[in-house]
Amino acid sequence: MPSSENPALEDPITKYARVEPPLQHQPEPGLQSRMTPVPDLGEQSYVGSGRLEGRKALITGGDSGIGAAVAIAFAREGADVVIAHLPGEEEDAAHVLGLISDAGRLGTAIAVDISDRAACHRLVAETVDALGGLDILVNNAGKQIAIARVEDLDEDQFEATFRVNLFANFAITKAALPHLQPGSCIVNTASFEAYEPSPDRLDYAASKAAINNLSKGLAVQLAPRGIRVNVVAPGPVWTALQVSDGVSDEQMTHFDDENTYQRAGQPAELASAYVYLASAEASYVSGSTLSVNGGMVTP
């Protein structure tokens, strides 16, 4: 046993309290500001050190949850940021834009439904206009609706999930490529579900596995252009997905119990993974998946 306690160390299991959420529902896509408890985006904790100074980033799903935490961290690291969100999520987007502005960086919010292919192309064009370029793309927006029985998972929902999670990822990436120079990077959001799918999230899990695979293929193809492609695979994280039918009532009330740490993750705990993969410190990292999941073992 250590001879004395080191006050500089934090126990990862107790760094955040268990969420223990009360049962709650919001219509899809849900507003983070109206959740109980409200997720921690790192508003009070994330401190930047100039690791992304002068960079220009587009983050889909950047109004809340993981995407919002990443947007705040990127700005505090010196990047200008565009966050894409669905119409109706302006309340959450305004909170993030305020924090980007407080960091002294340019922030822009674009309301867009990325399930539409043409809208994906417009999003990239508007981002380049707003920022004067683009060199970091974070495909993070996701759709997750829990359905217990495969007989009740209709083809329309299956297709809609893939349109948001996978097809939009591809369309936005393709539209962004003409603007990405050597040293640029793409970071995609997969999930622990890609490795161990929950039986009531068949479409979501399958789309996340496809994102993981697509990213690795892209990493190989884009390596000669000096463009890195990596993936972050979160475990259970407390976000608006959970309160907008992303999990069952039973799963919500036991959300803290899903991982080894026996607590849900907070979006703030994901941000540094994206910062690392976007930074020059990860210059030799491409085609990798970084799992951030509270001790859940992945292949």
C-alpha atoms as a PDB file:
ATOM      1  CA  MET A   1       0.000   0.000   0.000  1.00  0.00           C
ATOM      2  CA  PRO A   2       1.198   3.572  -0.638  1.00  0.00           C
ATOM      3  CA  SER A   3       2.792   5.194   2.397  1.00  0.00           C
ATOM      4  CA  SER A   4       0.752   8.381   2.035  1.00  0.00           C
ATOM      5  CA  GLU A   5      -2.080   9.736  -0.054  1.00  0.00           C
ATOM      6  CA  ASN A   6      -1.256  11.983  -3.001  1.00  0.00           C
ATOM      7  CA  PRO A   7      -3.721  14.911  -3.112  1.00  0.00           C
ATOM      8  CA  ALA A   8      -2.990  15.388  -6.824  1.00  0.00           C
ATOM      9  CA  LEU A   9      -4.633  12.067  -7.672  1.00  0.00           C
ATOM     10  CA  GLU A  10      -8.324  11.683  -8.497  1.00  0.00           C
ATOM     11  CA  ASP A  11     -10.149   8.389  -8.175  1.00  0.00           C
ATOM     12  CA  PRO A  12     -11.856   7.953 -11.583  1.00  0.00           C
ATOM     13  CA  ILE A  13     -14.683   5.995 -10.014  1.00  0.00           C
ATOM     14  CA  THR A  14     -15.676   8.795  -7.654  1.00  0.00           C
ATOM     15  CA  LYS A  15     -14.609  11.788  -9.762  1.00  0.00           C
ATOM     16  CA  TYR A  16     -18.261  12.242 -10.693  1.00  0.00           C
ATOM     17  CA  ALA A  17     -21.249  11.191  -8.621  1.00  0.00           C
ATOM     18  CA  ARG A  18     -23.735   8.666  -9.913  1.00  0.00           C
ATOM     19  CA  VAL A  19     -26.380  10.366 -12.047  1.00  0.00           C
ATOM     20  CA  GLU A  20     -29.283   8.369 -10.605  1.00  0.00           C
ATOM     21  CA  PRO A  21     -31.720  10.075 -12.983  1.00  0.00           C
ATOM     22  CA  PRO A  22     -35.411  10.267 -12.208  1.00  0.00           C
ATOM     23  CA  LEU A  23     -37.617   8.869 -14.931  1.00  0.00           C
ATOM     24  CA  GLN A  24     -38.120  11.597 -17.544  1.00  0.00           C
ATOM     25  CA  HIS A  25     -39.126  11.929 -21.169  1.00  0.00           C
ATOM     26  CA  GLN A  26     -38.698  14.559 -23.867  1.00  0.00           C
ATOM     27  CA  PRO A  27     -39.684  14.466 -27.534  1.00  0.00           C
ATOM     28  CA  GLU A  28     -36.778  13.702 -29.844  1.00  0.00           C
ATOM     29  CA  PRO A  29     -34.151  15.177 -30.022  1.00  0.00           C
ATOM     30  CA  GLY A  30     -34.501  16.550 -26.476  1.00  0.00           C
ATOM     31  CA  LEU A  31     -33.006  19.599 -24.778  1.00  0.00           C
ATOM     32  CA  GLN A  32     -30.104  19.151 -22.400  1.00  0.00           C
ATOM     33  CA  SER A  33     -31.032  22.288 -20.461  1.00  0.00           C
ATOM     34  CA  ARG A  34     -34.284  20.619 -19.368  1.00  0.00           C
ATOM     35  CA  MET A  35     -32.734  17.350 -18.181  1.00  0.00           C
ATOM     36  CA  THR A  36     -32.512  16.297 -14.533  1.00  0.00           C
ATOM     37  CA  PRO A  37     -29.673  16.407 -13.700  1.00  0.00           C
ATOM     38  CA  VAL A  38     -28.178  18.640 -16.407  1.00  0.00           C
ATOM     39  CA  PRO A  39     -25.069  16.975 -17.916  1.00  0.00           C
ATOM     40  CA  ASP A  40     -21.649  18.437 -17.199  1.00  0.00           C
ATOM     41  CA  LEU A  41     -20.027  19.802 -20.360  1.00  0.00           C
ATOM     42  CA  GLY A  42     -16.856  20.900 -18.606  1.00  0.00           C
ATOM     43  CA  GLU A  43     -18.068  24.481 -18.317  1.00  0.00           C
ATOM     44  CA  GLN A  44     -16.277  24.901 -14.977  1.00  0.00           C
ATOM     45  CA  SER A  45     -13.512  22.336 -15.359  1.00  0.00           C
ATOM     46  CA  TYR A  46     -11.967  22.292 -18.827  1.00  0.00           C
ATOM     47  CA  VAL A  47      -8.828  24.418 -19.125  1.00  0.00           C
ATOM     48  CA  GLY A  48      -7.190  24.833 -22.517  1.00  0.00           C
ATOM     49  CA  SER A  49      -3.510  25.154 -23.344  1.00  0.00           C
ATOM     50  CA  GLY A  50      -3.445  26.310 -26.980  1.00  0.00           C
ATOM     51  CA  ARG A  51      -3.315  22.818 -28.491  1.00  0.00           C
ATOM     52  CA  LEU A  52      -5.682  23.764 -31.358  1.00  0.00           C
ATOM     53  CA  GLU A  53      -4.641  27.383 -31.837  1.00  0.00           C
ATOM     54  CA  GLY A  54      -5.781  28.725 -35.216  1.00  0.00           C
ATOM     55  CA  ARG A  55      -7.755  25.614 -36.148  1.00  0.00           C
ATOM     56  CA  LYS A  56     -11.232  25.623 -37.726  1.00  0.00           C
ATOM     57  CA  ALA A  57     -13.689  22.932 -36.663  1.00  0.00           C
ATOM     58  CA  LEU A  58     -17.144  21.676 -37.603  1.00  0.00           C
ATOM     59  CA  ILE A  59     -18.915  19.566 -34.971  1.00  0.00           C
ATOM     60  CA  THR A  60     -22.263  17.954 -35.719  1.00  0.00           C
ATOM     61  CA  GLY A  61     -24.524  17.541 -32.719  1.00  0.00           C
ATOM     62  CA  GLY A  62     -22.516  20.310 -31.090  1.00  0.00           C
ATOM     63  CA  ASP A  63     -25.360  21.878 -29.139  1.00  0.00           C
ATOM     64  CA  SER A  64     -25.477  19.348 -26.301  1.00  0.00           C
ATOM     65  CA  GLY A  65     -23.891  16.253 -24.823  1.00  0.00           C
ATOM     66  CA  ILE A  66     -20.548  15.052 -26.109  1.00  0.00           C
ATOM     67  CA  GLY A  67     -20.550  17.391 -29.107  1.00  0.00           C
ATOM     68  CA  ALA A  68     -21.102  20.428 -26.899  1.00  0.00           C
ATOM     69  CA  ALA A  69     -18.330  19.398 -24.513  1.00  0.00           C
ATOM     70  CA  VAL A  70     -16.009  18.993 -27.491  1.00  0.00           C
ATOM     71  CA  ALA A  71     -16.986  22.415 -28.881  1.00  0.00           C
ATOM     72  CA  ILE A  72     -16.220  24.112 -25.568  1.00  0.00           C
ATOM     73  CA  ALA A  73     -12.883  22.307 -25.247  1.00  0.00           C
ATOM     74  CA  PHE A  74     -11.891  23.078 -28.835  1.00  0.00           C
ATOM     75  CA  ALA A  75     -12.605  26.782 -28.317  1.00  0.00           C
ATOM     76  CA  ARG A  76     -10.601  26.864 -25.098  1.00  0.00           C
ATOM     77  CA  GLU A  77      -7.762  25.184 -27.000  1.00  0.00           C
ATOM     78  CA  GLY A  78      -7.806  28.008 -29.564  1.00  0.00           C
ATOM     79  CA  ALA A  79     -10.081  26.782 -32.370  1.00  0.00           C
ATOM     80  CA  ASP A  80     -12.957  28.564 -34.075  1.00  0.00           C
ATOM     81  CA  VAL A  81     -16.001  26.321 -34.108  1.00  0.00           C
ATOM     82  CA  VAL A  82     -19.221  25.731 -36.035  1.00  0.00           C
ATOM     83  CA  ILE A  83     -21.781  23.597 -34.237  1.00  0.00           C
ATOM     84  CA  ALA A  84     -24.552  21.931 -36.235  1.00  0.00           C
ATOM     85  CA  HIS A  85     -27.846  21.127 -34.535  1.00  0.00           C
ATOM     86  CA  LEU A  86     -31.454  20.347 -35.346  1.00  0.00           C
ATOM     87  CA  PRO A  87     -34.056  23.115 -35.514  1.00  0.00           C
ATOM     88  CA  GLY A  88     -35.580  23.421 -32.067  1.00  0.00           C
ATOM     89  CA  GLU A  89     -32.291  23.002 -30.232  1.00  0.00           C
ATOM     90  CA  GLU A  90     -31.417  26.707 -30.282  1.00  0.00           C
ATOM     91  CA  GLU A  91     -31.640  26.990 -26.491  1.00  0.00           C
ATOM     92  CA  ASP A  92     -28.822  24.507 -25.977  1.00  0.00           C
ATOM     93  CA  ALA A  93     -26.833  25.916 -28.901  1.00  0.00           C
ATOM     94  CA  ALA A  94     -26.950  29.425 -27.421  1.00  0.00           C
ATOM     95  CA  HIS A  95     -25.394  28.144 -24.191  1.00  0.00           C
ATOM     96  CA  VAL A  96     -22.485  26.608 -26.098  1.00  0.00           C
ATOM     97  CA  LEU A  97     -21.994  29.667 -28.306  1.00  0.00           C
ATOM     98  CA  GLY A  98     -21.765  31.839 -25.203  1.00  0.00           C
ATOM     99  CA  LEU A  99     -18.962  29.690 -23.836  1.00  0.00           C
ATOM    100  CA  ILE A 100     -17.122  29.726 -27.172  1.00  0.00           C
ATOM    101  CA  SER A 101     -17.351  33.507 -27.192  1.00  0.00           C
ATOM    102  CA  ASP A 102     -16.119  33.659 -23.591  1.00  0.00           C
ATOM    103  CA  ALA A 103     -13.054  31.714 -24.760  1.00  0.00           C
ATOM    104  CA  GLY A 104     -12.352  34.481 -27.266  1.00  0.00           C
ATOM    105  CA  ARG A 105     -13.066  32.340 -30.326  1.00  0.00           C
ATOM    106  CA  LEU A 106     -15.487  32.580 -33.215  1.00  0.00           C
ATOM    107  CA  GLY A 107     -18.537  30.387 -32.774  1.00  0.00           C
ATOM    108  CA  THR A 108     -21.392  29.813 -35.206  1.00  0.00           C
ATOM    109  CA  ALA A 109     -24.464  27.610 -34.904  1.00  0.00           C
ATOM    110  CA  ILE A 110     -26.181  26.168 -37.977  1.00  0.00           C
ATOM    111  CA  ALA A 111     -29.625  24.583 -37.647  1.00  0.00           C
ATOM    112  CA  VAL A 112     -29.785  21.686 -40.100  1.00  0.00           C
ATOM    113  CA  ASP A 113     -31.333  18.260 -40.551  1.00  0.00           C
ATOM    114  CA  ILE A 114     -28.384  16.151 -41.659  1.00  0.00           C
ATOM    115  CA  SER A 115     -30.641  13.261 -42.653  1.00  0.00           C
ATOM    116  CA  ASP A 116     -31.028  15.248 -45.895  1.00  0.00           C
ATOM    117  CA  ARG A 117     -28.057  14.793 -48.244  1.00  0.00           C
ATOM    118  CA  ALA A 118     -28.284  18.262 -49.777  1.00  0.00           C
ATOM    119  CA  ALA A 119     -28.397  19.778 -46.291  1.00  0.00           C
ATOM    120  CA  CYS A 120     -25.098  18.044 -45.488  1.00  0.00           C
ATOM    121  CA  HIS A 121     -23.469  19.704 -48.472  1.00  0.00           C
ATOM    122  CA  ARG A 122     -24.904  23.105 -47.502  1.00  0.00           C
ATOM    123  CA  LEU A 123     -23.643  22.652 -43.959  1.00  0.00           C
ATOM    124  CA  VAL A 124     -20.054  22.264 -45.111  1.00  0.00           C
ATOM    125  CA  ALA A 125     -20.323  25.217 -47.501  1.00  0.00           C
ATOM    126  CA  GLU A 126     -21.769  27.448 -44.774  1.00  0.00           C
ATOM    127  CA  THR A 127     -19.086  26.308 -42.343  1.00  0.00           C
ATOM    128  CA  VAL A 128     -16.288  27.211 -44.736  1.00  0.00           C
ATOM    129  CA  ASP A 129     -17.905  30.604 -45.348  1.00  0.00           C
ATOM    130  CA  ALA A 130     -18.265  31.246 -41.605  1.00  0.00           C
ATOM    131  CA  LEU A 131     -14.779  30.159 -40.594  1.00  0.00           C
ATOM    132  CA  GLY A 132     -12.799  30.929 -43.738  1.00  0.00           C
ATOM    133  CA  GLY A 133     -11.793  27.284 -44.039  1.00  0.00           C
ATOM    134  CA  LEU A 134     -12.058  23.902 -42.353  1.00  0.00           C
ATOM    135  CA  ASP A 135      -9.425  21.546 -40.946  1.00  0.00           C
ATOM    136  CA  ILE A 136     -11.188  19.555 -38.185  1.00  0.00           C
ATOM    137  CA  LEU A 137     -14.379  17.607 -38.841  1.00  0.00           C
ATOM    138  CA  VAL A 138     -16.144  15.902 -35.937  1.00  0.00           C
ATOM    139  CA  ASN A 139     -19.036  13.710 -37.060  1.00  0.00           C
ATOM    140  CA  ASN A 140     -20.844  13.320 -33.760  1.00  0.00           C
ATOM    141  CA  ALA A 141     -24.608  13.752 -34.251  1.00  0.00           C
ATOM    142  CA  GLY A 142     -26.548  10.587 -33.542  1.00  0.00           C
ATOM    143  CA  LYS A 143     -30.022   9.089 -33.506  1.00  0.00           C
ATOM    144  CA  GLN A 144     -30.962   6.416 -30.964  1.00  0.00           C
ATOM    145  CA  ILE A 145     -34.446   5.050 -30.280  1.00  0.00           C
ATOM    146  CA  ALA A 146     -34.819   1.947 -28.120  1.00  0.00           C
ATOM    147  CA  ILE A 147     -37.208  -0.726 -29.454  1.00  0.00           C
ATOM    148  CA  ALA A 148     -37.505  -3.937 -27.435  1.00  0.00           C
ATOM    149  CA  ARG A 149     -38.698  -6.340 -30.168  1.00  0.00           C
ATOM    150  CA  VAL A 150     -37.314  -6.591 -33.685  1.00  0.00           C
ATOM    151  CA  GLU A 151     -40.879  -7.035 -34.945  1.00  0.00           C
ATOM    152  CA  ASP A 152     -41.595  -3.484 -33.718  1.00  0.00           C
ATOM    153  CA  LEU A 153     -38.502  -1.942 -35.303  1.00  0.00           C
ATOM    154  CA  ASP A 154     -39.928  -0.757 -38.591  1.00  0.00           C
ATOM    155  CA  GLU A 155     -37.896  -0.198 -41.721  1.00  0.00           C
ATOM    156  CA  ASP A 156     -38.489   3.563 -41.653  1.00  0.00           C
ATOM    157  CA  GLN A 157     -36.813   3.926 -38.269  1.00  0.00           C
ATOM    158  CA  PHE A 158     -33.978   1.595 -39.284  1.00  0.00           C
ATOM    159  CA  GLU A 159     -33.340   3.719 -42.370  1.00  0.00           C
ATOM    160  CA  ALA A 160     -33.676   7.013 -40.465  1.00  0.00           C
ATOM    161  CA  THR A 161     -31.077   5.889 -37.925  1.00  0.00           C
ATOM    162  CA  PHE A 162     -28.611   5.018 -40.665  1.00  0.00           C
ATOM    163  CA  ARG A 163     -29.302   8.271 -42.510  1.00  0.00           C
ATOM    164  CA  VAL A 164     -28.331  10.345 -39.473  1.00  0.00           C
ATOM    165  CA  ASN A 165     -25.577   8.183 -38.015  1.00  0.00           C
ATOM    166  CA  LEU A 166     -23.857   6.831 -41.127  1.00  0.00           C
ATOM    167  CA  PHE A 167     -25.053   8.344 -44.403  1.00  0.00           C
ATOM    168  CA  ALA A 168     -24.719  11.915 -43.106  1.00  0.00           C
ATOM    169  CA  ASN A 169     -21.263  11.077 -41.801  1.00  0.00           C
ATOM    170  CA  PHE A 170     -20.248   9.994 -45.304  1.00  0.00           C
ATOM    171  CA  ALA A 171     -21.927  12.940 -47.071  1.00  0.00           C
ATOM    172  CA  ILE A 172     -20.400  15.552 -44.774  1.00  0.00           C
ATOM    173  CA  THR A 173     -16.977  13.936 -44.984  1.00  0.00           C
ATOM    174  CA  LYS A 174     -17.116  13.829 -48.773  1.00  0.00           C
ATOM    175  CA  ALA A 175     -18.196  17.473 -48.956  1.00  0.00           C
ATOM    176  CA  ALA A 176     -15.449  18.495 -46.525  1.00  0.00           C
ATOM    177  CA  LEU A 177     -12.567  16.748 -48.285  1.00  0.00           C
ATOM    178  CA  PRO A 178     -11.868  19.489 -50.872  1.00  0.00           C
ATOM    179  CA  HIS A 179     -11.232  21.853 -47.964  1.00  0.00           C
ATOM    180  CA  LEU A 180      -9.019  19.566 -45.882  1.00  0.00           C
ATOM    181  CA  GLN A 181      -5.288  20.080 -46.320  1.00  0.00           C
ATOM    182  CA  PRO A 182      -2.447  17.884 -45.041  1.00  0.00           C
ATOM    183  CA  GLY A 183      -2.546  18.065 -41.256  1.00  0.00           C
ATOM    184  CA  SER A 184      -6.340  18.174 -41.166  1.00  0.00           C
ATOM    185  CA  CYS A 185      -8.270  15.475 -39.382  1.00  0.00           C
ATOM    186  CA  ILE A 186     -11.620  13.748 -39.043  1.00  0.00           C
ATOM    187  CA  VAL A 187     -12.877  12.358 -35.726  1.00  0.00           C
ATOM    188  CA  ASN A 188     -15.990  10.191 -35.824  1.00  0.00           C
ATOM    189  CA  THR A 189     -18.145   9.098 -32.908  1.00  0.00           C
ATOM    190  CA  ALA A 190     -18.910   5.400 -32.670  1.00  0.00           C
ATOM    191  CA  SER A 191     -20.012   3.664 -29.458  1.00  0.00           C
ATOM    192  CA  PHE A 192     -19.366   0.738 -27.156  1.00  0.00           C
ATOM    193  CA  GLU A 193     -22.513  -0.575 -28.859  1.00  0.00           C
ATOM    194  CA  ALA A 194     -20.365  -1.242 -31.941  1.00  0.00           C
ATOM    195  CA  TYR A 195     -18.713  -4.063 -29.986  1.00  0.00           C
ATOM    196  CA  GLU A 196     -21.471  -5.203 -27.650  1.00  0.00           C
ATOM    197  CA  PRO A 197     -24.869  -4.242 -29.094  1.00  0.00           C
ATOM    198  CA  SER A 198     -27.807  -3.825 -26.764  1.00  0.00           C
ATOM    199  CA  PRO A 199     -30.676  -5.993 -27.986  1.00  0.00           C
ATOM    200  CA  ASP A 200     -33.102  -3.060 -28.049  1.00  0.00           C
ATOM    201  CA  ARG A 201     -30.791  -0.797 -30.094  1.00  0.00           C
ATOM    202  CA  LEU A 202     -30.174  -2.957 -33.146  1.00  0.00           C
ATOM    203  CA  ASP A 203     -30.227  -0.143 -35.684  1.00  0.00           C
ATOM    204  CA  TYR A 204     -28.144   2.212 -33.543  1.00  0.00           C
ATOM    205  CA  ALA A 205     -25.519  -0.405 -32.706  1.00  0.00           C
ATOM    206  CA  ALA A 206     -25.236  -1.563 -36.321  1.00  0.00           C
ATOM    207  CA  SER A 207     -24.786   2.024 -37.527  1.00  0.00           C
ATOM    208  CA  LYS A 208     -22.054   2.626 -34.962  1.00  0.00           C
ATOM    209  CA  ALA A 209     -20.215  -0.528 -36.008  1.00  0.00           C
ATOM    210  CA  ALA A 210     -20.402   0.710 -39.600  1.00  0.00           C
ATOM    211  CA  ILE A 211     -18.969   4.091 -38.557  1.00  0.00           C
ATOM    212  CA  ASN A 212     -16.032   2.335 -36.912  1.00  0.00           C
ATOM    213  CA  ASN A 213     -15.362   0.294 -40.043  1.00  0.00           C
ATOM    214  CA  LEU A 214     -15.856   3.221 -42.436  1.00  0.00           C
ATOM    215  CA  SER A 215     -13.416   5.323 -40.432  1.00  0.00           C
ATOM    216  CA  LYS A 216     -10.666   2.733 -40.626  1.00  0.00           C
ATOM    217  CA  GLY A 217     -11.069   2.385 -44.375  1.00  0.00           C
ATOM    218  CA  LEU A 218     -11.008   6.156 -44.793  1.00  0.00           C
ATOM    219  CA  ALA A 219      -7.880   6.391 -42.645  1.00  0.00           C
ATOM    220  CA  VAL A 220      -6.023   4.133 -45.045  1.00  0.00           C
ATOM    221  CA  GLN A 221      -7.347   5.875 -48.150  1.00  0.00           C
ATOM    222  CA  LEU A 222      -6.637   9.406 -46.881  1.00  0.00           C
ATOM    223  CA  ALA A 223      -3.232   8.721 -45.349  1.00  0.00           C
ATOM    224  CA  PRO A 224      -1.348   9.672 -48.547  1.00  0.00           C
ATOM    225  CA  ARG A 225      -3.113  13.060 -48.408  1.00  0.00           C
ATOM    226  CA  GLY A 226      -1.918  13.703 -44.861  1.00  0.00           C
ATOM    227  CA  ILE A 227      -5.462  13.595 -43.445  1.00  0.00           C
ATOM    228  CA  ARG A 228      -5.928  11.563 -40.273  1.00  0.00           C
ATOM    229  CA  VAL A 229      -9.168   9.726 -39.434  1.00  0.00           C
ATOM    230  CA  ASN A 230      -9.905   8.381 -35.963  1.00  0.00           C
ATOM    231  CA  VAL A 231     -12.837   7.320 -33.812  1.00  0.00           C
ATOM    232  CA  VAL A 232     -13.994   7.865 -30.250  1.00  0.00           C
ATOM    233  CA  ALA A 233     -16.209   5.085 -28.886  1.00  0.00           C
ATOM    234  CA  PRO A 234     -18.062   6.275 -25.775  1.00  0.00           C
ATOM    235  CA  GLY A 235     -19.683   4.015 -23.247  1.00  0.00           C
ATOM    236  CA  PRO A 236     -22.852   5.058 -21.364  1.00  0.00           C
ATOM    237  CA  VAL A 237     -22.779   8.862 -21.124  1.00  0.00           C
ATOM    238  CA  TRP A 238     -25.571  11.020 -19.693  1.00  0.00           C
ATOM    239  CA  THR A 239     -26.912  13.037 -22.662  1.00  0.00           C
ATOM    240  CA  ALA A 240     -30.194  14.053 -24.265  1.00  0.00           C
ATOM    241  CA  LEU A 241     -30.252  10.754 -26.170  1.00  0.00           C
ATOM    242  CA  GLN A 242     -31.252   9.022 -22.959  1.00  0.00           C
ATOM    243  CA  VAL A 243     -34.308  11.173 -22.225  1.00  0.00           C
ATOM    244  CA  SER A 244     -35.655  11.191 -25.788  1.00  0.00           C
ATOM    245  CA  ASP A 245     -36.482   7.467 -26.029  1.00  0.00           C
ATOM    246  CA  GLY A 246     -32.871   6.369 -26.484  1.00  0.00           C
ATOM    247  CA  VAL A 247     -33.226   3.928 -23.600  1.00  0.00           C
ATOM    248  CA  SER A 248     -36.136   2.178 -21.946  1.00  0.00           C
ATOM    249  CA  ASP A 249     -37.591   3.383 -18.642  1.00  0.00           C
ATOM    250  CA  GLU A 250     -35.888   0.495 -16.873  1.00  0.00           C
ATOM    251  CA  GLN A 251     -32.513   1.307 -18.422  1.00  0.00           C
ATOM    252  CA  MET A 252     -32.823   4.995 -17.566  1.00  0.00           C
ATOM    253  CA  THR A 253     -33.441   4.390 -13.886  1.00  0.00           C
ATOM    254  CA  HIS A 254     -30.468   1.996 -13.779  1.00  0.00           C
ATOM    255  CA  PHE A 255     -28.269   3.954 -16.164  1.00  0.00           C
ATOM    256  CA  ASP A 256     -25.393   4.188 -13.688  1.00  0.00           C
ATOM    257  CA  ASP A 257     -25.119   0.418 -13.429  1.00  0.00           C
ATOM    258  CA  GLU A 258     -24.129  -0.331 -17.043  1.00  0.00           C
ATOM    259  CA  ASN A 259     -20.358  -0.063 -16.754  1.00  0.00           C
ATOM    260  CA  THR A 260     -17.495  -1.205 -14.566  1.00  0.00           C
ATOM    261  CA  TYR A 261     -17.269   2.110 -12.711  1.00  0.00           C
ATOM    262  CA  GLN A 262     -20.946   1.811 -11.735  1.00  0.00           C
ATOM    263  CA  ARG A 263     -21.623   5.401 -12.756  1.00  0.00           C
ATOM    264  CA  ALA A 264     -22.597   7.088 -15.998  1.00  0.00           C
ATOM    265  CA  GLY A 265     -19.992   9.122 -17.815  1.00  0.00           C
ATOM    266  CA  GLN A 266     -20.325  12.875 -18.213  1.00  0.00           C
ATOM    267  CA  PRO A 267     -19.785  14.619 -21.574  1.00  0.00           C
ATOM    268  CA  ALA A 268     -16.908  16.551 -20.001  1.00  0.00           C
ATOM    269  CA  GLU A 269     -15.002  13.283 -19.667  1.00  0.00           C
ATOM    270  CA  LEU A 270     -15.058  12.737 -23.437  1.00  0.00           C
ATOM    271  CA  ALA A 271     -13.778  16.117 -24.590  1.00  0.00           C
ATOM    272  CA  SER A 272     -10.072  15.520 -24.034  1.00  0.00           C
ATOM    273  CA  ALA A 273     -10.163  12.409 -26.229  1.00  0.00           C
ATOM    274  CA  TYR A 274     -11.342  14.487 -29.177  1.00  0.00           C
ATOM    275  CA  VAL A 275      -8.850  17.248 -28.402  1.00  0.00           C
ATOM    276  CA  TYR A 276      -5.999  14.749 -28.437  1.00  0.00           C
ATOM    277  CA  LEU A 277      -7.063  13.131 -31.715  1.00  0.00           C
ATOM    278  CA  ALA A 278      -7.495  16.557 -33.356  1.00  0.00           C
ATOM    279  CA  SER A 279      -4.193  17.927 -32.110  1.00  0.00           C
ATOM    280  CA  ALA A 280      -0.704  17.692 -33.585  1.00  0.00           C
ATOM    281  CA  GLU A 281       0.206  15.462 -30.644  1.00  0.00           C
ATOM    282  CA  ALA A 282      -1.677  12.683 -32.446  1.00  0.00           C
ATOM    283  CA  SER A 283       0.266  13.120 -35.693  1.00  0.00           C
ATOM    284  CA  TYR A 284       1.143   9.399 -35.782  1.00  0.00           C
ATOM    285  CA  VAL A 285      -2.381   8.268 -34.898  1.00  0.00           C
ATOM    286  CA  SER A 286      -4.828   7.358 -37.658  1.00  0.00           C
ATOM    287  CA  GLY A 287      -7.265   4.512 -38.060  1.00  0.00           C
ATOM    288  CA  SER A 288      -7.550   4.139 -34.288  1.00  0.00           C
ATOM    289  CA  THR A 289     -10.575   3.847 -32.014  1.00  0.00           C
ATOM    290  CA  LEU A 290     -10.227   5.426 -28.584  1.00  0.00           C
ATOM    291  CA  SER A 291     -12.686   3.886 -26.135  1.00  0.00           C
ATOM    292  CA  VAL A 292     -13.892   6.100 -23.283  1.00  0.00           C
ATOM    293  CA  ASN A 293     -16.302   3.937 -21.365  1.00  0.00           C
ATOM    294  CA  GLY A 294     -15.636   3.599 -17.635  1.00  0.00           C
ATOM    295  CA  GLY A 295     -13.709   0.355 -17.773  1.00  0.00           C
ATOM    296  CA  MET A 296     -15.809  -1.634 -20.242  1.00  0.00           C
ATOM    297  CA  VAL A 297     -13.352  -3.881 -22.088  1.00  0.00           C
ATOM    298  CA  THR A 298     -13.401  -3.728 -25.913  1.00  0.00           C
ATOM    299  CA  PRO A 299     -11.482  -5.764 -28.524  1.00  0.00           C
END
